[in-house]
């Protein structure tokens, strides 16, 4: 019987909640409006630029439908 591998642990998203200064959140909100991207995308790009490994395919707007 052939075994089908499921997604690897790296393919699942984890919930992360942090507190940031109000001015930081305000500027993230402004950037989100300017770029028309969610704060999540902006933060993931910033983490990637800082050197934290972030898979490129994870940086997308979840509100938009992805085509197969």
Protein backbone atom coordinates (compact mmCIF):
# COMPACT_ATOMS: atom_id res chain seq x y z
CA UNK A 1 0.00 0.00 0.00
CA UNK A 2 1.39 3.40 -0.98
CA UNK A 3 1.60 5.98 1.77
CA UNK A 4 0.73 9.59 0.98
CA UNK A 5 2.80 12.07 2.95
CA UNK A 6 0.89 14.84 4.66
CA UNK A 7 2.07 18.41 4.98
CA UNK A 8 5.30 18.93 6.87
CA UNK A 9 5.19 20.77 10.21
CA UNK A 10 6.71 23.81 8.48
CA UNK A 11 3.62 24.13 6.26
CA UNK A 12 1.27 24.97 9.13
CA UNK A 13 0.76 28.48 10.40
CA UNK A 14 1.07 29.17 14.11
CA UNK A 15 -0.74 31.87 16.02
CA UNK A 16 1.55 34.62 17.37
CA UNK A 17 0.27 37.46 19.45
CA UNK A 18 2.52 40.35 20.46
CA UNK A 19 2.12 43.75 22.00
CA UNK A 20 3.69 46.72 20.24
CA UNK A 21 3.76 50.42 21.08
CA UNK A 22 0.67 52.30 19.87
CA UNK A 23 2.78 54.44 17.54
CA UNK A 24 4.20 51.28 15.92
CA UNK A 25 0.75 49.83 15.32
CA UNK A 26 -0.44 53.15 13.94
CA UNK A 27 2.45 53.27 11.46
CA UNK A 28 1.85 49.65 10.46
CA UNK A 29 -1.78 50.57 9.79
CA UNK A 30 -0.72 53.55 7.69
CA UNK A 31 1.70 51.38 5.69
CA UNK A 32 -1.05 48.79 5.21
CA UNK A 33 -3.36 51.42 3.75
CA UNK A 34 -0.61 52.84 1.53
CA UNK A 35 0.42 49.44 0.14
CA UNK A 36 -3.07 47.88 0.21
CA UNK A 37 -1.63 44.89 2.05
CA UNK A 38 -2.56 43.43 5.42
CA UNK A 39 -0.32 44.14 8.40
CA UNK A 40 0.54 40.42 8.46
CA UNK A 41 2.23 40.70 5.04
CA UNK A 42 4.13 43.82 6.07
CA UNK A 43 5.37 42.19 9.27
CA UNK A 44 6.40 38.97 7.50
CA UNK A 45 8.34 40.98 4.90
CA UNK A 46 10.04 42.95 7.67
CA UNK A 47 10.99 39.75 9.50
CA UNK A 48 12.37 38.31 6.27
CA UNK A 49 14.40 41.49 5.64
CA UNK A 50 15.75 41.20 9.19
CA UNK A 51 17.05 37.74 8.37
CA UNK A 52 14.35 35.59 9.94
CA UNK A 53 13.51 32.65 7.64
CA UNK A 54 10.05 33.26 6.15
CA UNK A 55 8.98 31.10 3.21
CA UNK A 56 8.20 33.36 0.25
CA UNK A 57 4.99 31.44 -0.42
CA UNK A 58 3.77 32.38 3.08
CA UNK A 59 3.77 36.09 2.22
CA UNK A 60 0.40 36.64 0.59
CA UNK A 61 -2.89 38.35 1.29
CA UNK A 62 -5.21 35.69 2.70
CA UNK A 63 -8.23 37.84 1.92
CA UNK A 64 -7.69 37.36 -1.82
CA UNK A 65 -8.62 34.08 -3.45
CA UNK A 66 -5.64 32.09 -4.66
CA UNK A 67 -5.96 30.40 -8.01
CA UNK A 68 -4.97 26.71 -8.16
